[in-house]
Amino acid sequence: MSVLDPIRPGRTSCICALLLALIAAGPASAQTPDTPVRFSLDGRIEGPSALFLLPLHRGFYKQESLNVSIDDAANAFEPISRVASGTYDMALADINAVIRFRDQNPTAPVRAIFMVYNRPPFAIVGRKSRGISDPKSLEGKRLGAPPLTTTVQQWPAFAKLNGIETGKVTLEPVAEPVRIPMLAAGQLDAALGYSFRLYVDLKDRGVPVGDIVQMQMPDYKLKLYGAAIIVNTKFATEQPEAVGKFLRASIRGFRETIRNPTTAVEPVLRREEFAKKDVEIERLRMAIRDNVITPEVRANGFGAIDPLRMEEAIGQIALGYSFKARPKADAVFDASFLPPQAERRAN
């Protein structure tokens, strides 16, 4: 039949049936596109990044109908500004820095929704041969303190809690890349930073383990939490299911990473060609042992916080920071996106 031919009555019912069939089949055959999620890490790609790169590499996010992209960050504060601006939907960021940021920007659309480092990796790592042994031994010493690190923000509280006279300590503002070389060369007595970075890197520079003194701040009265997953609140309102799916897939990735760190680090090595496998495995194992799996996590599951501990942590932040309006724990952390506790068990 030509397109110019009139439709004869005998064919009308066939054509109508065909059209109805196409209309009915259309929505069923169409695939809903995966929800894009832009995620920022809290710094460079390294061993602990496997917590998120492994579920990406294994397709755990894809299986939840999410199209996740993961990027590193220039420093610990960049992921917060990325999420606040909406250029990224979610990120890993130090919750203490988030609390300060929200105090300075009360309308910022940023909330913490899932705790990753239940115990923060804030540390001071020094050398026994330089006279470092305990917090009081830092007096009269030179400490490398890169300005754009969250550990440096905790120094005033750490000093007050441990009776350190800060006027007797020299905080040397050094760039993060030269902190370990200077410490290894004896140009510094100690340095501030994340424990799994400082300790592993210093050891990798050839400093004997017996000469390395590691003071993890949580061992010295600091009650703070560490890095958490944060979300842009506009994205969370518009895509609550995507947020929940991201957390569910991440927990699955956490379990796989903890079960086999040696295999889990492979996606990290793919992204960082100059990374050393043994170094990043040690860094990952250290983060899992000291920061991710704690008695609190074993009791309450991944992601949750203890509101009383959070209130105490906010009080400790106030030891070194003047709040415009001191927040309550529920204003800092939104637990409504957490999967049920049975799904978050750290087994």
C-alpha atoms as a PDB file:
ATOM      1  CA  MET A   1       0.000   0.000   0.000  1.00  0.00           C
ATOM      2  CA  SER A   2       1.374   3.408  -0.982  1.00  0.00           C
ATOM      3  CA  VAL A   3       1.616   6.096   1.676  1.00  0.00           C
ATOM      4  CA  LEU A   4      -0.805   8.020  -0.506  1.00  0.00           C
ATOM      5  CA  ASP A   5      -3.369   5.224  -0.590  1.00  0.00           C
ATOM      6  CA  PRO A   6      -6.407   5.676   1.614  1.00  0.00           C
ATOM      7  CA  ILE A   7      -6.696   3.267   4.523  1.00  0.00           C
ATOM      8  CA  ARG A   8      -9.322   0.731   3.535  1.00  0.00           C
ATOM      9  CA  PRO A   9     -11.833  -0.281   6.213  1.00  0.00           C
ATOM     10  CA  GLY A  10     -10.595  -3.868   6.253  1.00  0.00           C
ATOM     11  CA  ARG A  11      -7.163  -2.789   7.448  1.00  0.00           C
ATOM     12  CA  THR A  12      -8.188  -0.279  10.109  1.00  0.00           C
ATOM     13  CA  SER A  13      -8.471  -2.767  12.948  1.00  0.00           C
ATOM     14  CA  CYS A  14      -5.049  -4.281  12.143  1.00  0.00           C
ATOM     15  CA  ILE A  15      -3.304  -0.913  12.154  1.00  0.00           C
ATOM     16  CA  CYS A  16      -4.985   0.136  15.392  1.00  0.00           C
ATOM     17  CA  ALA A  17      -3.977  -3.120  17.027  1.00  0.00           C
ATOM     18  CA  LEU A  18      -0.392  -2.618  15.870  1.00  0.00           C
ATOM     19  CA  LEU A  19      -0.289   0.946  17.234  1.00  0.00           C
ATOM     20  CA  LEU A  20      -1.707  -0.164  20.554  1.00  0.00           C
ATOM     21  CA  ALA A  21       0.883  -2.925  20.782  1.00  0.00           C
ATOM     22  CA  LEU A  22       3.740  -0.485  20.081  1.00  0.00           C
ATOM     23  CA  ILE A  23       2.451   1.957  22.700  1.00  0.00           C
ATOM     24  CA  ALA A  24       2.147  -0.802  25.271  1.00  0.00           C
ATOM     25  CA  ALA A  25       5.590  -2.218  24.489  1.00  0.00           C
ATOM     26  CA  GLY A  26       7.369   1.156  24.502  1.00  0.00           C
ATOM     27  CA  PRO A  27       7.628   1.874  28.255  1.00  0.00           C
ATOM     28  CA  ALA A  28       8.299  -1.782  29.074  1.00  0.00           C
ATOM     29  CA  SER A  29      11.242  -1.983  26.724  1.00  0.00           C
ATOM     30  CA  ALA A  30      12.721   1.420  27.564  1.00  0.00           C
ATOM     31  CA  GLN A  31      15.499   1.326  30.181  1.00  0.00           C
ATOM     32  CA  THR A  32      15.662   3.938  32.912  1.00  0.00           C
ATOM     33  CA  PRO A  33      19.146   5.501  32.785  1.00  0.00           C
ATOM     34  CA  ASP A  34      21.422   5.021  35.796  1.00  0.00           C
ATOM     35  CA  THR A  35      21.420   7.927  38.232  1.00  0.00           C
ATOM     36  CA  PRO A  36      24.713   9.845  37.976  1.00  0.00           C
ATOM     37  CA  VAL A  37      26.547  10.403  41.280  1.00  0.00           C
ATOM     38  CA  ARG A  38      29.675  12.552  41.407  1.00  0.00           C
ATOM     39  CA  PHE A  39      31.791  11.541  44.411  1.00  0.00           C
ATOM     40  CA  SER A  40      34.936  13.206  45.751  1.00  0.00           C
ATOM     41  CA  LEU A  41      37.570  11.573  47.896  1.00  0.00           C
ATOM     42  CA  ASP A  42      39.168  13.547  50.740  1.00  0.00           C
ATOM     43  CA  GLY A  43      42.621  13.754  49.190  1.00  0.00           C
ATOM     44  CA  ARG A  44      44.977  11.770  47.026  1.00  0.00           C
ATOM     45  CA  ILE A  45      44.202   8.250  45.849  1.00  0.00           C
ATOM     46  CA  GLU A  46      45.892   5.796  48.222  1.00  0.00           C
ATOM     47  CA  GLY A  47      45.287   2.481  49.974  1.00  0.00           C
ATOM     48  CA  PRO A  48      42.156   3.457  51.966  1.00  0.00           C
ATOM     49  CA  SER A  49      40.568   4.787  48.758  1.00  0.00           C
ATOM     50  CA  ALA A  50      39.888   1.116  48.012  1.00  0.00           C
ATOM     51  CA  LEU A  51      36.850   1.428  50.278  1.00  0.00           C
ATOM     52  CA  PHE A  52      35.172   3.278  47.398  1.00  0.00           C
ATOM     53  CA  LEU A  53      37.203   2.307  44.352  1.00  0.00           C
ATOM     54  CA  LEU A  54      36.602  -1.404  44.896  1.00  0.00           C
ATOM     55  CA  PRO A  55      32.774  -1.160  44.771  1.00  0.00           C
ATOM     56  CA  LEU A  56      33.167   1.043  41.687  1.00  0.00           C
ATOM     57  CA  HIS A  57      35.529  -1.432  40.036  1.00  0.00           C
ATOM     58  CA  ARG A  58      33.416  -4.469  40.966  1.00  0.00           C
ATOM     59  CA  GLY A  59      30.235  -2.877  39.644  1.00  0.00           C
ATOM     60  CA  PHE A  60      28.468  -2.691  43.006  1.00  0.00           C
ATOM     61  CA  TYR A  61      27.241   0.850  42.300  1.00  0.00           C
ATOM     62  CA  LYS A  62      26.222  -0.136  38.769  1.00  0.00           C
ATOM     63  CA  GLN A  63      24.156  -2.979  40.171  1.00  0.00           C
ATOM     64  CA  GLU A  64      22.240  -0.366  42.170  1.00  0.00           C
ATOM     65  CA  SER A  65      21.520   1.571  38.936  1.00  0.00           C
ATOM     66  CA  LEU A  66      24.029   4.270  39.807  1.00  0.00           C
ATOM     67  CA  ASN A  67      26.556   5.805  37.425  1.00  0.00           C
ATOM     68  CA  VAL A  68      29.238   6.769  39.957  1.00  0.00           C
ATOM     69  CA  SER A  69      32.390   8.758  39.167  1.00  0.00           C
ATOM     70  CA  ILE A  70      35.114   9.118  41.815  1.00  0.00           C
ATOM     71  CA  ASP A  71      37.787  11.833  41.847  1.00  0.00           C
ATOM     72  CA  ASP A  72      40.658  12.660  44.157  1.00  0.00           C
ATOM     73  CA  ALA A  73      40.967  16.066  45.830  1.00  0.00           C
ATOM     74  CA  ALA A  74      43.766  18.605  46.165  1.00  0.00           C
ATOM     75  CA  ASN A  75      43.357  18.823  49.945  1.00  0.00           C
ATOM     76  CA  ALA A  76      41.043  17.818  52.783  1.00  0.00           C
ATOM     77  CA  PHE A  77      38.828  20.892  52.447  1.00  0.00           C
ATOM     78  CA  GLU A  78      38.120  20.695  48.720  1.00  0.00           C
ATOM     79  CA  PRO A  79      35.475  17.927  48.962  1.00  0.00           C
ATOM     80  CA  ILE A  80      33.423  20.112  51.312  1.00  0.00           C
ATOM     81  CA  SER A  81      33.378  23.078  48.938  1.00  0.00           C
ATOM     82  CA  ARG A  82      32.674  20.742  46.023  1.00  0.00           C
ATOM     83  CA  VAL A  83      29.565  19.344  47.680  1.00  0.00           C
ATOM     84  CA  ALA A  84      28.452  22.733  48.994  1.00  0.00           C
ATOM     85  CA  SER A  85      28.633  24.219  45.490  1.00  0.00           C
ATOM     86  CA  GLY A  86      26.752  21.294  43.954  1.00  0.00           C
ATOM     87  CA  THR A  87      29.537  20.412  41.526  1.00  0.00           C
ATOM     88  CA  TYR A  88      29.730  17.089  43.389  1.00  0.00           C
ATOM     89  CA  ASP A  89      26.805  15.235  44.905  1.00  0.00           C
ATOM     90  CA  MET A  90      28.614  13.353  47.669  1.00  0.00           C
ATOM     91  CA  ALA A  91      32.095  13.143  49.159  1.00  0.00           C
ATOM     92  CA  LEU A  92      34.328  11.766  51.864  1.00  0.00           C
ATOM     93  CA  ALA A  93      35.275  14.597  54.215  1.00  0.00           C
ATOM     94  CA  ASP A  94      36.499  15.142  57.754  1.00  0.00           C
ATOM     95  CA  ILE A  95      33.394  15.744  59.839  1.00  0.00           C
ATOM     96  CA  ASN A  96      35.195  18.194  62.128  1.00  0.00           C
ATOM     97  CA  ALA A  97      36.058  20.389  59.151  1.00  0.00           C
ATOM     98  CA  VAL A  98      32.435  20.065  57.985  1.00  0.00           C
ATOM     99  CA  ILE A  99      31.224  21.264  61.391  1.00  0.00           C
ATOM    100  CA  ARG A 100      33.440  24.351  61.168  1.00  0.00           C
ATOM    101  CA  PHE A 101      32.399  24.991  57.581  1.00  0.00           C
ATOM    102  CA  ARG A 102      28.709  24.849  58.456  1.00  0.00           C
ATOM    103  CA  ASP A 103      29.262  27.188  61.394  1.00  0.00           C
ATOM    104  CA  GLN A 104      30.838  29.712  59.033  1.00  0.00           C
ATOM    105  CA  ASN A 105      28.287  29.006  56.274  1.00  0.00           C
ATOM    106  CA  PRO A 106      25.046  28.103  58.084  1.00  0.00           C
ATOM    107  CA  THR A 107      22.979  27.875  54.897  1.00  0.00           C
ATOM    108  CA  ALA A 108      25.471  25.604  53.106  1.00  0.00           C
ATOM    109  CA  PRO A 109      23.637  22.556  51.706  1.00  0.00           C
ATOM    110  CA  VAL A 110      25.993  20.002  53.282  1.00  0.00           C
ATOM    111  CA  ARG A 111      25.219  17.230  55.767  1.00  0.00           C
ATOM    112  CA  ALA A 112      27.134  14.209  57.033  1.00  0.00           C
ATOM    113  CA  ILE A 113      25.155  10.996  56.631  1.00  0.00           C
ATOM    114  CA  PHE A 114      27.551   8.063  57.136  1.00  0.00           C
ATOM    115  CA  MET A 115      30.636   7.786  59.349  1.00  0.00           C
ATOM    116  CA  VAL A 116      33.580   6.057  57.656  1.00  0.00           C
ATOM    117  CA  TYR A 117      36.486   6.720  60.035  1.00  0.00           C
ATOM    118  CA  ASN A 118      34.840   6.040  63.366  1.00  0.00           C
ATOM    119  CA  ARG A 119      38.220   6.738  64.943  1.00  0.00           C
ATOM    120  CA  PRO A 120      40.058   9.651  63.306  1.00  0.00           C
ATOM    121  CA  PRO A 121      43.550   9.108  61.856  1.00  0.00           C
ATOM    122  CA  PHE A 122      44.884  12.378  63.329  1.00  0.00           C
ATOM    123  CA  ALA A 123      48.413  11.755  64.567  1.00  0.00           C
ATOM    124  CA  ILE A 124      51.773  13.212  65.457  1.00  0.00           C
ATOM    125  CA  VAL A 125      54.602  11.031  64.216  1.00  0.00           C
ATOM    126  CA  GLY A 126      58.142  11.698  65.330  1.00  0.00           C
ATOM    127  CA  ARG A 127      61.510  10.081  65.803  1.00  0.00           C
ATOM    128  CA  LYS A 128      62.837   8.659  69.027  1.00  0.00           C
ATOM    129  CA  SER A 129      66.332   9.749  67.993  1.00  0.00           C
ATOM    130  CA  ARG A 130      65.066  13.343  67.953  1.00  0.00           C
ATOM    131  CA  GLY A 131      63.840  13.104  71.554  1.00  0.00           C
ATOM    132  CA  ILE A 132      60.172  12.354  70.811  1.00  0.00           C
ATOM    133  CA  SER A 133      58.442   9.972  73.205  1.00  0.00           C
ATOM    134  CA  ASP A 134      55.099  11.389  74.397  1.00  0.00           C
ATOM    135  CA  PRO A 135      53.030  14.593  74.062  1.00  0.00           C
ATOM    136  CA  LYS A 136      55.043  16.576  76.619  1.00  0.00           C
ATOM    137  CA  SER A 137      58.263  15.714  74.772  1.00  0.00           C
ATOM    138  CA  LEU A 138      57.024  17.878  71.881  1.00  0.00           C
ATOM    139  CA  GLU A 139      57.909  20.994  73.850  1.00  0.00           C
ATOM    140  CA  GLY A 140      61.091  22.551  72.511  1.00  0.00           C
ATOM    141  CA  LYS A 141      60.738  20.658  69.233  1.00  0.00           C
ATOM    142  CA  ARG A 142      59.993  21.547  65.587  1.00  0.00           C
ATOM    143  CA  LEU A 143      56.861  19.988  64.105  1.00  0.00           C
ATOM    144  CA  GLY A 144      56.025  19.945  60.401  1.00  0.00           C
ATOM    145  CA  ALA A 145      52.498  21.285  60.054  1.00  0.00           C
ATOM    146  CA  PRO A 146      51.103  21.555  56.498  1.00  0.00           C
ATOM    147  CA  PRO A 147      48.457  24.328  56.676  1.00  0.00           C
ATOM    148  CA  LEU A 148      45.803  22.631  54.516  1.00  0.00           C
ATOM    149  CA  THR A 149      45.373  19.549  56.686  1.00  0.00           C
ATOM    150  CA  THR A 150      42.617  18.800  59.157  1.00  0.00           C
ATOM    151  CA  THR A 151      45.117  17.377  61.665  1.00  0.00           C
ATOM    152  CA  VAL A 152      46.625  20.816  62.182  1.00  0.00           C
ATOM    153  CA  GLN A 153      43.154  22.070  63.146  1.00  0.00           C
ATOM    154  CA  GLN A 154      43.133  19.609  66.051  1.00  0.00           C
ATOM    155  CA  TRP A 155      46.493  20.705  67.459  1.00  0.00           C
ATOM    156  CA  PRO A 156      45.114  23.326  69.915  1.00  0.00           C
ATOM    157  CA  ALA A 157      42.643  20.835  71.425  1.00  0.00           C
ATOM    158  CA  PHE A 158      45.268  18.072  71.572  1.00  0.00           C
ATOM    159  CA  ALA A 159      47.723  20.424  73.275  1.00  0.00           C
ATOM    160  CA  LYS A 160      45.163  21.552  75.890  1.00  0.00           C
ATOM    161  CA  LEU A 161      44.022  18.012  76.632  1.00  0.00           C
ATOM    162  CA  ASN A 162      47.608  16.880  77.184  1.00  0.00           C
ATOM    163  CA  GLY A 163      49.037  19.868  79.040  1.00  0.00           C
ATOM    164  CA  ILE A 164      51.385  20.962  76.271  1.00  0.00           C
ATOM    165  CA  GLU A 165      52.651  24.548  76.433  1.00  0.00           C
ATOM    166  CA  THR A 166      52.121  25.536  72.802  1.00  0.00           C
ATOM    167  CA  GLY A 167      54.464  28.500  73.120  1.00  0.00           C
ATOM    168  CA  LYS A 168      57.302  26.014  73.551  1.00  0.00           C
ATOM    169  CA  VAL A 169      56.478  24.138  70.342  1.00  0.00           C
ATOM    170  CA  THR A 170      57.457  25.386  66.896  1.00  0.00           C
ATOM    171  CA  LEU A 171      54.883  24.544  64.236  1.00  0.00           C
ATOM    172  CA  GLU A 172      56.738  24.769  60.956  1.00  0.00           C
ATOM    173  CA  PRO A 173      54.367  25.429  58.004  1.00  0.00           C
ATOM    174  CA  VAL A 174      55.666  23.026  55.370  1.00  0.00           C
ATOM    175  CA  ALA A 175      54.164  21.730  52.140  1.00  0.00           C
ATOM    176  CA  GLU A 176      52.679  18.268  52.531  1.00  0.00           C
ATOM    177  CA  PRO A 177      54.966  16.614  49.930  1.00  0.00           C
ATOM    178  CA  VAL A 178      58.147  17.653  51.798  1.00  0.00           C
ATOM    179  CA  ARG A 179      56.924  16.823  55.298  1.00  0.00           C
ATOM    180  CA  ILE A 180      58.186  13.218  55.316  1.00  0.00           C
ATOM    181  CA  PRO A 181      61.492  13.927  53.498  1.00  0.00           C
ATOM    182  CA  MET A 182      62.266  16.650  56.045  1.00  0.00           C
ATOM    183  CA  LEU A 183      61.382  14.371  58.946  1.00  0.00           C
ATOM    184  CA  ALA A 184      63.472  11.531  57.503  1.00  0.00           C
ATOM    185  CA  ALA A 185      66.419  13.916  57.003  1.00  0.00           C
ATOM    186  CA  GLY A 186      66.253  15.182  60.580  1.00  0.00           C
ATOM    187  CA  GLN A 187      65.149  18.684  59.580  1.00  0.00           C
ATOM    188  CA  LEU A 188      62.010  18.180  61.686  1.00  0.00           C
ATOM    189  CA  ASP A 189      61.514  16.360  64.975  1.00  0.00           C
ATOM    190  CA  ALA A 190      57.926  15.290  64.286  1.00  0.00           C
ATOM    191  CA  ALA A 191      55.047  16.006  61.925  1.00  0.00           C
ATOM    192  CA  LEU A 192      51.259  16.273  62.015  1.00  0.00           C
ATOM    193  CA  GLY A 193      49.040  14.317  59.661  1.00  0.00           C
ATOM    194  CA  TYR A 194      47.086  11.130  59.124  1.00  0.00           C
ATOM    195  CA  SER A 195      48.703   8.188  60.876  1.00  0.00           C
ATOM    196  CA  PHE A 196      48.455   5.810  57.917  1.00  0.00           C
ATOM    197  CA  ARG A 197      50.215   8.365  55.724  1.00  0.00           C
ATOM    198  CA  LEU A 198      52.963   9.528  58.053  1.00  0.00           C
ATOM    199  CA  TYR A 199      53.941   6.194  59.567  1.00  0.00           C
ATOM    200  CA  VAL A 200      53.919   4.187  56.343  1.00  0.00           C
ATOM    201  CA  ASP A 201      55.658   6.894  54.295  1.00  0.00           C
ATOM    202  CA  LEU A 202      58.352   7.462  56.927  1.00  0.00           C
ATOM    203  CA  LYS A 203      59.032   3.757  57.101  1.00  0.00           C
ATOM    204  CA  ASP A 204      59.143   3.607  53.302  1.00  0.00           C
ATOM    205  CA  ARG A 205      61.817   6.353  53.360  1.00  0.00           C
ATOM    206  CA  GLY A 206      64.078   3.965  55.241  1.00  0.00           C
ATOM    207  CA  VAL A 207      63.631   5.229  58.803  1.00  0.00           C
ATOM    208  CA  PRO A 208      63.890   2.219  61.159  1.00  0.00           C
ATOM    209  CA  VAL A 209      60.596   1.195  62.752  1.00  0.00           C
ATOM    210  CA  GLY A 210      62.256   1.309  66.166  1.00  0.00           C
ATOM    211  CA  ASP A 211      62.974   5.014  65.661  1.00  0.00           C
ATOM    212  CA  ILE A 212      59.392   5.932  64.733  1.00  0.00           C
ATOM    213  CA  VAL A 213      57.135   7.218  67.510  1.00  0.00           C
ATOM    214  CA  GLN A 214      53.478   7.344  66.624  1.00  0.00           C
ATOM    215  CA  MET A 215      51.061   9.341  68.763  1.00  0.00           C
ATOM    216  CA  GLN A 216      47.567   8.737  67.436  1.00  0.00           C
ATOM    217  CA  MET A 217      45.496  11.553  68.917  1.00  0.00           C
ATOM    218  CA  PRO A 218      42.526   9.326  69.888  1.00  0.00           C
ATOM    219  CA  ASP A 219      44.938   7.504  72.226  1.00  0.00           C
ATOM    220  CA  TYR A 220      45.513  10.821  73.997  1.00  0.00           C
ATOM    221  CA  LYS A 221      42.025  11.937  75.100  1.00  0.00           C
ATOM    222  CA  LEU A 222      40.709  13.130  71.717  1.00  0.00           C
ATOM    223  CA  LYS A 223      37.090  11.945  71.282  1.00  0.00           C
ATOM    224  CA  LEU A 224      36.554  13.273  67.766  1.00  0.00           C
ATOM    225  CA  TYR A 225      35.157  11.298  64.850  1.00  0.00           C
ATOM    226  CA  GLY A 226      36.962  11.249  61.517  1.00  0.00           C
ATOM    227  CA  ALA A 227      35.923  11.311  57.882  1.00  0.00           C
ATOM    228  CA  ALA A 228      32.288  10.815  56.918  1.00  0.00           C
ATOM    229  CA  ILE A 229      30.287  10.603  53.725  1.00  0.00           C
ATOM    230  CA  ILE A 230      28.658  13.984  53.146  1.00  0.00           C
ATOM    231  CA  VAL A 231      25.903  14.850  50.719  1.00  0.00           C
ATOM    232  CA  ASN A 232      24.531  17.946  49.024  1.00  0.00           C
ATOM    233  CA  THR A 233      21.125  18.349  50.673  1.00  0.00           C
ATOM    234  CA  LYS A 234      19.442  19.378  47.408  1.00  0.00           C
ATOM    235  CA  PHE A 235      20.658  16.169  45.789  1.00  0.00           C
ATOM    236  CA  ALA A 236      19.552  14.170  48.841  1.00  0.00           C
ATOM    237  CA  THR A 237      16.058  15.684  48.662  1.00  0.00           C
ATOM    238  CA  GLU A 238      15.716  15.065  44.942  1.00  0.00           C
ATOM    239  CA  GLN A 239      17.418  11.654  44.868  1.00  0.00           C
ATOM    240  CA  PRO A 240      16.906  10.006  48.273  1.00  0.00           C
ATOM    241  CA  GLU A 241      16.810   6.510  46.767  1.00  0.00           C
ATOM    242  CA  ALA A 242      20.138   7.100  45.023  1.00  0.00           C
ATOM    243  CA  VAL A 243      21.715   8.161  48.317  1.00  0.00           C
ATOM    244  CA  GLY A 244      20.472   5.017  50.028  1.00  0.00           C
ATOM    245  CA  LYS A 245      21.700   2.842  47.164  1.00  0.00           C
ATOM    246  CA  PHE A 246      25.124   4.481  47.280  1.00  0.00           C
ATOM    247  CA  LEU A 247      25.455   3.710  50.982  1.00  0.00           C
ATOM    248  CA  ARG A 248      24.269   0.133  50.504  1.00  0.00           C
ATOM    249  CA  ALA A 249      26.776  -0.524  47.708  1.00  0.00           C
ATOM    250  CA  SER A 250      29.549   1.156  49.702  1.00  0.00           C
ATOM    251  CA  ILE A 251      28.920  -1.084  52.721  1.00  0.00           C
ATOM    252  CA  ARG A 252      29.174  -4.077  50.432  1.00  0.00           C
ATOM    253  CA  GLY A 253      32.484  -2.695  49.188  1.00  0.00           C
ATOM    254  CA  PHE A 254      33.706  -2.088  52.752  1.00  0.00           C
ATOM    255  CA  ARG A 255      33.108  -5.727  53.634  1.00  0.00           C
ATOM    256  CA  GLU A 256      34.961  -6.955  50.548  1.00  0.00           C
ATOM    257  CA  THR A 257      37.854  -4.575  51.205  1.00  0.00           C
ATOM    258  CA  ILE A 258      38.171  -5.609  54.841  1.00  0.00           C
ATOM    259  CA  ARG A 259      37.942  -9.279  53.912  1.00  0.00           C
ATOM    260  CA  ASN A 260      40.820  -9.110  51.427  1.00  0.00           C
ATOM    261  CA  PRO A 261      42.880  -5.885  51.445  1.00  0.00           C
ATOM    262  CA  THR A 262      45.511  -7.406  49.171  1.00  0.00           C
ATOM    263  CA  THR A 263      43.000  -7.799  46.350  1.00  0.00           C
ATOM    264  CA  ALA A 264      41.013  -4.680  47.218  1.00  0.00           C
ATOM    265  CA  VAL A 265      44.003  -2.419  46.618  1.00  0.00           C
ATOM    266  CA  GLU A 266      44.185  -3.348  42.912  1.00  0.00           C
ATOM    267  CA  PRO A 267      41.783  -0.565  41.763  1.00  0.00           C
ATOM    268  CA  VAL A 268      43.995   1.921  43.629  1.00  0.00           C
ATOM    269  CA  LEU A 269      47.054   0.730  41.723  1.00  0.00           C
ATOM    270  CA  ARG A 270      45.158   1.077  38.434  1.00  0.00           C
ATOM    271  CA  ARG A 271      44.453   4.733  39.198  1.00  0.00           C
ATOM    272  CA  GLU A 272      47.924   5.505  40.609  1.00  0.00           C
ATOM    273  CA  GLU A 273      50.558   3.915  38.391  1.00  0.00           C
ATOM    274  CA  PHE A 274      53.483   4.942  40.602  1.00  0.00           C
ATOM    275  CA  ALA A 275      51.938   3.598  43.817  1.00  0.00           C
ATOM    276  CA  LYS A 276      53.761   0.706  45.496  1.00  0.00           C
ATOM    277  CA  LYS A 277      51.515  -2.256  46.144  1.00  0.00           C
ATOM    278  CA  ASP A 278      53.078  -3.296  49.458  1.00  0.00           C
ATOM    279  CA  VAL A 279      52.994   0.294  50.744  1.00  0.00           C
ATOM    280  CA  GLU A 280      49.333   0.821  49.843  1.00  0.00           C
ATOM    281  CA  ILE A 281      48.308  -2.549  51.275  1.00  0.00           C
ATOM    282  CA  GLU A 282      49.957  -1.629  54.582  1.00  0.00           C
ATOM    283  CA  ARG A 283      48.293   1.784  54.508  1.00  0.00           C
ATOM    284  CA  LEU A 284      44.896   0.195  53.861  1.00  0.00           C
ATOM    285  CA  ARG A 285      45.327  -2.433  56.568  1.00  0.00           C
ATOM    286  CA  MET A 286      46.323   0.258  59.042  1.00  0.00           C
ATOM    287  CA  ALA A 287      43.273   2.395  58.239  1.00  0.00           C
ATOM    288  CA  ILE A 288      40.955  -0.608  58.570  1.00  0.00           C
ATOM    289  CA  ARG A 289      42.454  -1.644  61.911  1.00  0.00           C
ATOM    290  CA  ASP A 290      42.777   1.786  63.513  1.00  0.00           C
ATOM    291  CA  ASN A 291      40.024   3.892  61.951  1.00  0.00           C
ATOM    292  CA  VAL A 292      37.284   1.849  60.299  1.00  0.00           C
ATOM    293  CA  ILE A 293      36.720  -1.210  62.503  1.00  0.00           C
ATOM    294  CA  THR A 294      36.419  -0.097  66.137  1.00  0.00           C
ATOM    295  CA  PRO A 295      34.522  -1.506  69.140  1.00  0.00           C
ATOM    296  CA  GLU A 296      31.811   1.077  68.458  1.00  0.00           C
ATOM    297  CA  VAL A 297      31.463  -0.104  64.844  1.00  0.00           C
ATOM    298  CA  ARG A 298      31.397  -3.749  65.904  1.00  0.00           C
ATOM    299  CA  ALA A 299      28.566  -2.930  68.289  1.00  0.00           C
ATOM    300  CA  ASN A 300      26.507  -0.540  66.149  1.00  0.00           C
ATOM    301  CA  GLY A 301      27.461  -1.363  62.564  1.00  0.00           C
ATOM    302  CA  PHE A 302      29.031   0.714  59.821  1.00  0.00           C
ATOM    303  CA  GLY A 303      28.081   4.357  59.418  1.00  0.00           C
ATOM    304  CA  ALA A 304      26.388   5.232  62.708  1.00  0.00           C
ATOM    305  CA  ILE A 305      27.478   7.626  65.437  1.00  0.00           C
ATOM    306  CA  ASP A 306      26.947   7.815  69.169  1.00  0.00           C
ATOM    307  CA  PRO A 307      25.096  11.132  69.750  1.00  0.00           C
ATOM    308  CA  LEU A 308      26.632  11.547  73.218  1.00  0.00           C
ATOM    309  CA  ARG A 309      30.127  11.067  71.847  1.00  0.00           C
ATOM    310  CA  MET A 310      29.363  13.540  69.059  1.00  0.00           C
ATOM    311  CA  GLU A 311      28.262  16.138  71.602  1.00  0.00           C
ATOM    312  CA  GLU A 312      31.523  15.584  73.480  1.00  0.00           C
ATOM    313  CA  ALA A 313      33.460  15.855  70.215  1.00  0.00           C
ATOM    314  CA  ILE A 314      31.809  19.194  69.416  1.00  0.00           C
ATOM    315  CA  GLY A 315      32.874  20.367  72.871  1.00  0.00           C
ATOM    316  CA  GLN A 316      36.474  19.384  72.102  1.00  0.00           C
ATOM    317  CA  ILE A 317      36.369  21.239  68.785  1.00  0.00           C
ATOM    318  CA  ALA A 318      35.452  24.306  70.841  1.00  0.00           C
ATOM    319  CA  LEU A 319      38.784  24.017  72.668  1.00  0.00           C
ATOM    320  CA  GLY A 320      40.489  25.313  69.536  1.00  0.00           C
ATOM    321  CA  TYR A 321      37.676  26.993  67.619  1.00  0.00           C
ATOM    322  CA  SER A 322      35.184  29.728  68.576  1.00  0.00           C
ATOM    323  CA  PHE A 323      31.726  28.769  67.345  1.00  0.00           C
ATOM    324  CA  LYS A 324      29.317  31.411  66.130  1.00  0.00           C
ATOM    325  CA  ALA A 325      26.537  29.018  67.099  1.00  0.00           C
ATOM    326  CA  ARG A 326      27.585  25.720  68.658  1.00  0.00           C
ATOM    327  CA  PRO A 327      25.586  22.966  66.910  1.00  0.00           C
ATOM    328  CA  LYS A 328      23.800  19.940  68.310  1.00  0.00           C
ATOM    329  CA  ALA A 329      24.712  16.468  67.130  1.00  0.00           C
ATOM    330  CA  ASP A 330      21.524  16.017  65.074  1.00  0.00           C
ATOM    331  CA  ALA A 331      22.293  19.219  63.170  1.00  0.00           C
ATOM    332  CA  VAL A 332      25.663  17.801  62.161  1.00  0.00           C
ATOM    333  CA  PHE A 333      24.769  14.219  61.296  1.00  0.00           C
ATOM    334  CA  ASP A 334      21.615  13.027  59.523  1.00  0.00           C
ATOM    335  CA  ALA A 335      21.094   9.337  60.275  1.00  0.00           C
ATOM    336  CA  SER A 336      17.909   9.028  58.231  1.00  0.00           C
ATOM    337  CA  PHE A 337      19.724   7.629  55.175  1.00  0.00           C
ATOM    338  CA  LEU A 338      21.432   4.810  57.055  1.00  0.00           C
ATOM    339  CA  PRO A 339      20.342   1.296  56.035  1.00  0.00           C
ATOM    340  CA  PRO A 340      18.856  -0.808  58.863  1.00  0.00           C
ATOM    341  CA  GLN A 341      21.404  -1.899  61.454  1.00  0.00           C
ATOM    342  CA  ALA A 342      21.130  -5.534  60.373  1.00  0.00           C
ATOM    343  CA  GLU A 343      22.416  -4.506  56.935  1.00  0.00           C
ATOM    344  CA  ARG A 344      25.299  -2.512  58.403  1.00  0.00           C
ATOM    345  CA  ARG A 345      26.846  -5.141  60.641  1.00  0.00           C
ATOM    346  CA  ALA A 346      30.628  -5.215  60.507  1.00  0.00           C
ATOM    347  CA  ASN A 347      31.001  -8.966  60.312  1.00  0.00           C
END
